Amino acid sequence: MKLEPRKATDRGGWLCMPLVINGPEGKPGWKKVRCPECGTLCWQRPEDAGVVKASHLDGAVCTKCALRKAGDVV
């Protein structure tokens, strides 16, 4: 698979929310939420909603679910 920067015409895809288990402390402004797909505790960052809208993504899910949706096995 060739990785390329996202183009302005690209649509779809999922924003990866970091898993709390991988970074239990988080960062200032991050909020613990449950993944809407699997319920795993993850971090919602203040800029996430704006990125989803500006990049025309399908939404935000935990990293495991985003990889699963992309066809990778986790």
C-alpha atoms as a PDB file:
ATOM      1  CA  MET A   1       0.000   0.000   0.000  1.00  0.00           C
ATOM      2  CA  LYS A   2       1.339   3.440  -0.916  1.00  0.00           C
ATOM      3  CA  LEU A   3       0.797   6.177   1.680  1.00  0.00           C
ATOM      4  CA  GLU A   4       0.023   9.653   0.398  1.00  0.00           C
ATOM      5  CA  PRO A   5      -1.134  12.878   2.047  1.00  0.00           C
ATOM      6  CA  ARG A   6      -4.888  13.349   2.074  1.00  0.00           C
ATOM      7  CA  LYS A   7      -6.190  15.386  -0.868  1.00  0.00           C
ATOM      8  CA  ALA A   8      -8.923  18.027  -0.619  1.00  0.00           C
ATOM      9  CA  THR A   9     -11.139  15.793  -2.785  1.00  0.00           C
ATOM     10  CA  ASP A  10     -10.760  12.701  -0.557  1.00  0.00           C
ATOM     11  CA  ARG A  11     -13.854  11.636   1.386  1.00  0.00           C
ATOM     12  CA  GLY A  12     -14.489   9.085   4.115  1.00  0.00           C
ATOM     13  CA  GLY A  13     -12.172   7.444   6.579  1.00  0.00           C
ATOM     14  CA  TRP A  14     -12.012   7.507  10.346  1.00  0.00           C
ATOM     15  CA  LEU A  15     -10.198   9.669  12.854  1.00  0.00           C
ATOM     16  CA  CYS A  16      -8.238   7.526  15.339  1.00  0.00           C
ATOM     17  CA  MET A  17      -8.790   8.402  18.983  1.00  0.00           C
ATOM     18  CA  PRO A  18      -5.856   7.284  21.178  1.00  0.00           C
ATOM     19  CA  LEU A  19      -6.607   4.436  23.564  1.00  0.00           C
ATOM     20  CA  VAL A  20      -6.445   5.281  27.285  1.00  0.00           C
ATOM     21  CA  ILE A  21      -4.621   1.987  27.884  1.00  0.00           C
ATOM     22  CA  ASN A  22      -1.761   3.247  25.670  1.00  0.00           C
ATOM     23  CA  GLY A  23      -1.566   6.680  27.307  1.00  0.00           C
ATOM     24  CA  PRO A  24      -3.255   6.625  30.709  1.00  0.00           C
ATOM     25  CA  GLU A  25      -2.258  10.196  31.593  1.00  0.00           C
ATOM     26  CA  GLY A  26      -3.536  11.855  28.418  1.00  0.00           C
ATOM     27  CA  LYS A  27      -2.708  15.482  27.735  1.00  0.00           C
ATOM     28  CA  PRO A  28      -4.221  18.794  28.843  1.00  0.00           C
ATOM     29  CA  GLY A  29      -7.651  19.275  27.269  1.00  0.00           C
ATOM     30  CA  TRP A  30      -8.160  15.604  26.418  1.00  0.00           C
ATOM     31  CA  LYS A  31     -11.378  13.993  27.660  1.00  0.00           C
ATOM     32  CA  LYS A  32     -12.008  10.299  28.338  1.00  0.00           C
ATOM     33  CA  VAL A  33     -14.866   8.961  26.183  1.00  0.00           C
ATOM     34  CA  ARG A  34     -16.059   5.546  25.047  1.00  0.00           C
ATOM     35  CA  CYS A  35     -15.524   4.493  21.441  1.00  0.00           C
ATOM     36  CA  PRO A  36     -18.916   4.658  19.679  1.00  0.00           C
ATOM     37  CA  GLU A  37     -18.195   1.300  17.993  1.00  0.00           C
ATOM     38  CA  CYS A  38     -16.760  -0.965  20.698  1.00  0.00           C
ATOM     39  CA  GLY A  39     -17.027   0.996  23.952  1.00  0.00           C
ATOM     40  CA  THR A  40     -13.289   0.982  24.712  1.00  0.00           C
ATOM     41  CA  LEU A  41     -12.108   3.944  26.774  1.00  0.00           C
ATOM     42  CA  CYS A  42     -10.215   6.397  24.571  1.00  0.00           C
ATOM     43  CA  TRP A  43      -9.164  10.047  24.450  1.00  0.00           C
ATOM     44  CA  GLN A  44     -11.168  12.706  22.647  1.00  0.00           C
ATOM     45  CA  ARG A  45      -8.976  15.664  21.770  1.00  0.00           C
ATOM     46  CA  PRO A  46     -10.351  19.230  21.507  1.00  0.00           C
ATOM     47  CA  GLU A  47      -9.582  19.442  17.767  1.00  0.00           C
ATOM     48  CA  ASP A  48     -11.206  16.104  16.818  1.00  0.00           C
ATOM     49  CA  ALA A  49     -14.638  17.460  15.836  1.00  0.00           C
ATOM     50  CA  GLY A  50     -13.108  20.123  13.598  1.00  0.00           C
ATOM     51  CA  VAL A  51     -10.802  17.614  11.907  1.00  0.00           C
ATOM     52  CA  VAL A  52     -13.686  15.217  11.190  1.00  0.00           C
ATOM     53  CA  LYS A  53     -15.692  18.004   9.574  1.00  0.00           C
ATOM     54  CA  ALA A  54     -12.849  19.709   7.678  1.00  0.00           C
ATOM     55  CA  SER A  55     -11.457  16.438   6.320  1.00  0.00           C
ATOM     56  CA  HIS A  56     -14.888  14.987   5.426  1.00  0.00           C
ATOM     57  CA  LEU A  57     -14.310  11.913   7.593  1.00  0.00           C
ATOM     58  CA  ASP A  58     -16.986   9.401   8.580  1.00  0.00           C
ATOM     59  CA  GLY A  59     -16.381  10.030  12.283  1.00  0.00           C
ATOM     60  CA  ALA A  60     -14.027   9.260  15.152  1.00  0.00           C
ATOM     61  CA  VAL A  61     -13.435   5.825  16.665  1.00  0.00           C
ATOM     62  CA  CYS A  62     -10.721   4.216  18.772  1.00  0.00           C
ATOM     63  CA  THR A  63      -7.512   3.215  17.027  1.00  0.00           C
ATOM     64  CA  LYS A  64      -8.442  -0.500  17.080  1.00  0.00           C
ATOM     65  CA  CYS A  65     -11.790   0.118  15.357  1.00  0.00           C
ATOM     66  CA  ALA A  66     -10.256   2.495  12.799  1.00  0.00           C
ATOM     67  CA  LEU A  67      -7.705  -0.156  11.810  1.00  0.00           C
ATOM     68  CA  ARG A  68     -10.432  -2.803  11.675  1.00  0.00           C
ATOM     69  CA  LYS A  69     -12.532  -0.574   9.403  1.00  0.00           C
ATOM     70  CA  ALA A  70      -9.518  -0.071   7.144  1.00  0.00           C
ATOM     71  CA  GLY A  71      -9.287  -3.828   6.690  1.00  0.00           C
ATOM     72  CA  ASP A  72      -6.349  -4.489   9.009  1.00  0.00           C
ATOM     73  CA  VAL A  73      -6.626  -7.098  11.734  1.00  0.00           C
ATOM     74  CA  VAL A  74      -6.122  -5.982  15.324  1.00  0.00           C
END
